Amino acid sequence: MAASGESGKKGSGNSVVIKVGMVGDSQIGKTSLMVKYVEGSFDEDYVQTLGVNFMEKTISIRNTEITFSIWDLGGKQR
């Protein structure tokens, strides 16, 4: 069983979760930035975010697993 603060993955040291909220006006690239960072891809077709999108990316730095929980909150059109 993993100790408190550890991810439970073999070979991992400490783990940290960082929550990131992407907020702003509509059509400025919040979703594109999130998808580019997490998946490494870019889609030129625009689809408006209704409500919220959520993605996670885990990286390892100096024996620490860092998980970014990225929340993309839909912008409001005026």
N, C-alpha and C. Protein backbone atom coordinates (compact mmCIF):
# COMPACT_ATOMS: atom_id res chain seq x y z
N MET A 1 0.85 -1.17 0.00
CA MET A 1 0.00 0.00 0.00
C MET A 1 0.89 1.23 0.00
N ALA A 2 0.52 2.26 -0.75
CA ALA A 2 1.31 3.49 -0.85
C ALA A 2 1.09 4.35 0.38
N ALA A 3 2.17 4.96 0.81
CA ALA A 3 2.09 5.88 1.94
C ALA A 3 1.41 7.17 1.51
N SER A 4 0.90 7.91 2.47
CA SER A 4 0.26 9.18 2.19
C SER A 4 1.23 10.09 1.45
N GLY A 5 0.73 10.75 0.39
CA GLY A 5 1.57 11.64 -0.39
C GLY A 5 2.28 10.96 -1.54
N GLU A 6 2.12 9.64 -1.69
CA GLU A 6 2.74 8.93 -2.80
C GLU A 6 1.68 8.49 -3.77
N SER A 7 2.06 8.38 -5.03
CA SER A 7 1.11 8.03 -6.07
C SER A 7 0.81 6.55 -6.13
N GLY A 8 1.64 5.71 -5.51
CA GLY A 8 1.44 4.28 -5.56
C GLY A 8 2.12 3.62 -6.73
N LYS A 9 2.77 4.39 -7.61
CA LYS A 9 3.49 3.83 -8.74
C LYS A 9 4.84 3.34 -8.27
N LYS A 10 5.30 2.23 -8.84
CA LYS A 10 6.60 1.69 -8.46
C LYS A 10 7.70 2.67 -8.86
N GLY A 11 8.66 2.86 -7.96
CA GLY A 11 9.80 3.70 -8.25
C GLY A 11 9.55 5.18 -8.06
N SER A 12 8.35 5.56 -7.67
CA SER A 12 8.09 6.98 -7.51
C SER A 12 8.42 7.42 -6.10
N GLY A 13 8.83 8.66 -5.96
CA GLY A 13 9.11 9.25 -4.66
C GLY A 13 7.87 9.98 -4.19
N ASN A 14 7.98 11.26 -4.06
CA ASN A 14 6.85 12.09 -3.66
C ASN A 14 5.93 12.34 -4.84
N SER A 15 4.70 12.72 -4.54
CA SER A 15 3.79 13.11 -5.61
C SER A 15 3.06 14.38 -5.21
N VAL A 16 2.76 15.19 -6.21
CA VAL A 16 2.12 16.48 -6.00
C VAL A 16 1.03 16.62 -7.06
N VAL A 17 -0.11 17.18 -6.67
CA VAL A 17 -1.17 17.50 -7.62
C VAL A 17 -1.34 19.01 -7.63
N ILE A 18 -1.26 19.59 -8.82
CA ILE A 18 -1.44 21.03 -8.97
C ILE A 18 -2.69 21.24 -9.82
N LYS A 19 -3.64 22.00 -9.30
CA LYS A 19 -4.87 22.29 -10.02
C LYS A 19 -4.71 23.62 -10.74
N VAL A 20 -5.04 23.62 -12.04
CA VAL A 20 -4.91 24.80 -12.87
C VAL A 20 -6.26 25.11 -13.49
N GLY A 21 -6.73 26.34 -13.35
CA GLY A 21 -7.99 26.78 -13.95
C GLY A 21 -7.71 27.70 -15.12
N MET A 22 -8.21 27.33 -16.31
CA MET A 22 -8.06 28.17 -17.50
C MET A 22 -9.34 28.97 -17.65
N VAL A 23 -9.26 30.28 -17.45
CA VAL A 23 -10.44 31.14 -17.55
C VAL A 23 -10.12 32.32 -18.47
N GLY A 24 -11.15 32.85 -19.09
CA GLY A 24 -10.97 34.00 -19.97
C GLY A 24 -12.12 34.10 -20.96
N ASP A 25 -12.02 35.10 -21.82
CA ASP A 25 -13.05 35.32 -22.83
C ASP A 25 -13.13 34.13 -23.79
N SER A 26 -14.24 34.07 -24.53
CA SER A 26 -14.39 32.98 -25.50
C SER A 26 -13.46 33.19 -26.68
N GLN A 27 -13.09 32.10 -27.32
CA GLN A 27 -12.29 32.05 -28.54
C GLN A 27 -10.91 32.69 -28.40
N ILE A 28 -10.27 32.53 -27.23
CA ILE A 28 -8.91 33.08 -27.09
C ILE A 28 -7.85 31.99 -27.03
N GLY A 29 -8.26 30.71 -26.98
CA GLY A 29 -7.29 29.61 -27.06
C GLY A 29 -7.07 28.83 -25.79
N LYS A 30 -7.98 28.91 -24.83
CA LYS A 30 -7.82 28.15 -23.58
C LYS A 30 -7.77 26.65 -23.84
N THR A 31 -8.72 26.15 -24.62
CA THR A 31 -8.77 24.72 -24.92
C THR A 31 -7.57 24.31 -25.77
N SER A 32 -7.24 25.12 -26.76
CA SER A 32 -6.09 24.80 -27.63
C SER A 32 -4.80 24.71 -26.83
N LEU A 33 -4.60 25.62 -25.89
CA LEU A 33 -3.40 25.61 -25.06
C LEU A 33 -3.35 24.35 -24.20
N MET A 34 -4.50 24.00 -23.61
CA MET A 34 -4.57 22.81 -22.76
C MET A 34 -4.28 21.54 -23.56
N VAL A 35 -4.92 21.39 -24.71
CA VAL A 35 -4.74 20.19 -25.54
C VAL A 35 -3.31 20.12 -26.07
N LYS A 36 -2.75 21.24 -26.48
CA LYS A 36 -1.37 21.26 -26.98
C LYS A 36 -0.40 20.81 -25.89
N TYR A 37 -0.60 21.26 -24.65
CA TYR A 37 0.29 20.88 -23.56
C TYR A 37 0.14 19.41 -23.18
N VAL A 38 -1.11 18.94 -23.07
CA VAL A 38 -1.35 17.57 -22.60
C VAL A 38 -1.10 16.53 -23.70
N GLU A 39 -1.62 16.77 -24.89
CA GLU A 39 -1.55 15.77 -25.96
C GLU A 39 -0.48 16.06 -27.01
N GLY A 40 0.02 17.30 -27.03
CA GLY A 40 1.03 17.67 -28.01
C GLY A 40 0.48 17.89 -29.40
N SER A 41 -0.83 18.07 -29.52
CA SER A 41 -1.44 18.26 -30.84
C SER A 41 -2.22 19.57 -30.88
N PHE A 42 -2.52 20.01 -32.09
CA PHE A 42 -3.29 21.23 -32.27
C PHE A 42 -4.35 20.98 -33.33
N ASP A 43 -5.60 21.32 -33.02
CA ASP A 43 -6.71 21.14 -33.95
C ASP A 43 -7.20 22.51 -34.37
N GLU A 44 -7.17 22.79 -35.67
CA GLU A 44 -7.57 24.11 -36.16
C GLU A 44 -9.08 24.29 -36.17
N ASP A 45 -9.85 23.21 -36.06
CA ASP A 45 -11.31 23.33 -36.04
C ASP A 45 -11.76 23.81 -34.67
N TYR A 46 -12.54 24.91 -34.64
CA TYR A 46 -12.99 25.48 -33.38
C TYR A 46 -14.29 24.84 -32.92
N VAL A 47 -14.31 24.36 -31.70
CA VAL A 47 -15.52 23.85 -31.07
C VAL A 47 -15.62 24.54 -29.71
N GLN A 48 -16.69 25.32 -29.52
CA GLN A 48 -16.83 26.07 -28.28
C GLN A 48 -17.00 25.13 -27.09
N THR A 49 -16.30 25.44 -26.00
CA THR A 49 -16.42 24.67 -24.77
C THR A 49 -17.70 25.08 -24.06
N LEU A 50 -18.56 24.11 -23.81
CA LEU A 50 -19.78 24.37 -23.05
C LEU A 50 -19.60 23.77 -21.67
N GLY A 51 -19.60 24.59 -20.66
CA GLY A 51 -19.37 24.09 -19.31
C GLY A 51 -17.90 24.03 -19.01
N VAL A 52 -17.38 22.79 -18.84
CA VAL A 52 -15.99 22.64 -18.45
C VAL A 52 -15.37 21.41 -19.11
N ASN A 53 -14.10 21.52 -19.49
CA ASN A 53 -13.29 20.39 -19.94
C ASN A 53 -12.23 20.13 -18.88
N PHE A 54 -11.76 18.90 -18.80
CA PHE A 54 -10.78 18.53 -17.78
C PHE A 54 -9.76 17.58 -18.38
N MET A 55 -8.48 17.86 -18.16
CA MET A 55 -7.42 16.96 -18.61
C MET A 55 -6.35 16.90 -17.53
N GLU A 56 -5.57 15.83 -17.53
CA GLU A 56 -4.45 15.69 -16.60
C GLU A 56 -3.18 15.35 -17.35
N LYS A 57 -2.07 15.86 -16.84
CA LYS A 57 -0.76 15.49 -17.37
C LYS A 57 0.16 15.30 -16.18
N THR A 58 0.90 14.20 -16.19
CA THR A 58 1.85 13.90 -15.12
C THR A 58 3.26 13.95 -15.68
N ILE A 59 4.11 14.68 -14.98
CA ILE A 59 5.53 14.74 -15.33
C ILE A 59 6.34 14.35 -14.11
N SER A 60 7.58 13.98 -14.35
CA SER A 60 8.47 13.59 -13.25
C SER A 60 9.67 14.52 -13.24
N ILE A 61 9.90 15.14 -12.09
CA ILE A 61 11.05 16.03 -11.91
C ILE A 61 11.73 15.66 -10.60
N ARG A 62 12.99 15.30 -10.67
CA ARG A 62 13.79 14.99 -9.48
C ARG A 62 13.09 14.03 -8.53
N ASN A 63 12.65 12.90 -9.06
CA ASN A 63 12.01 11.85 -8.27
C ASN A 63 10.68 12.28 -7.65
N THR A 64 10.05 13.29 -8.24
CA THR A 64 8.74 13.74 -7.78
C THR A 64 7.77 13.68 -8.96
N GLU A 65 6.65 12.98 -8.77
CA GLU A 65 5.60 12.92 -9.78
C GLU A 65 4.71 14.14 -9.59
N ILE A 66 4.61 14.99 -10.62
CA ILE A 66 3.77 16.18 -10.56
C ILE A 66 2.62 15.99 -11.54
N THR A 67 1.40 16.01 -11.02
CA THR A 67 0.21 15.87 -11.85
C THR A 67 -0.49 17.21 -11.94
N PHE A 68 -0.65 17.69 -13.17
CA PHE A 68 -1.40 18.92 -13.40
C PHE A 68 -2.83 18.54 -13.74
N SER A 69 -3.78 18.96 -12.91
CA SER A 69 -5.20 18.80 -13.20
C SER A 69 -5.65 20.12 -13.81
N ILE A 70 -5.91 20.11 -15.10
CA ILE A 70 -6.19 21.34 -15.83
C ILE A 70 -7.68 21.41 -16.13
N TRP A 71 -8.32 22.47 -15.65
CA TRP A 71 -9.74 22.70 -15.85
C TRP A 71 -9.91 23.83 -16.85
N ASP A 72 -10.60 23.57 -17.93
CA ASP A 72 -10.86 24.55 -18.98
C ASP A 72 -12.31 25.00 -18.84
N LEU A 73 -12.49 26.20 -18.33
CA LEU A 73 -13.84 26.73 -18.11
C LEU A 73 -14.28 27.51 -19.34
N GLY A 74 -15.43 27.16 -19.88
CA GLY A 74 -15.92 27.78 -21.11
C GLY A 74 -16.11 29.28 -20.97
N GLY A 75 -15.63 30.03 -21.96
CA GLY A 75 -15.81 31.48 -21.98
C GLY A 75 -17.21 31.82 -22.46
N LYS A 76 -17.69 32.97 -22.05
CA LYS A 76 -19.03 33.40 -22.40
C LYS A 76 -18.98 34.31 -23.62
N GLN A 77 -19.78 34.00 -24.64
CA GLN A 77 -19.87 34.91 -25.78
C GLN A 77 -20.82 36.03 -25.42
N ARG A 78 -20.48 37.22 -25.89
CA ARG A 78 -21.32 38.40 -25.57
C ARG A 78 -22.16 38.79 -26.73
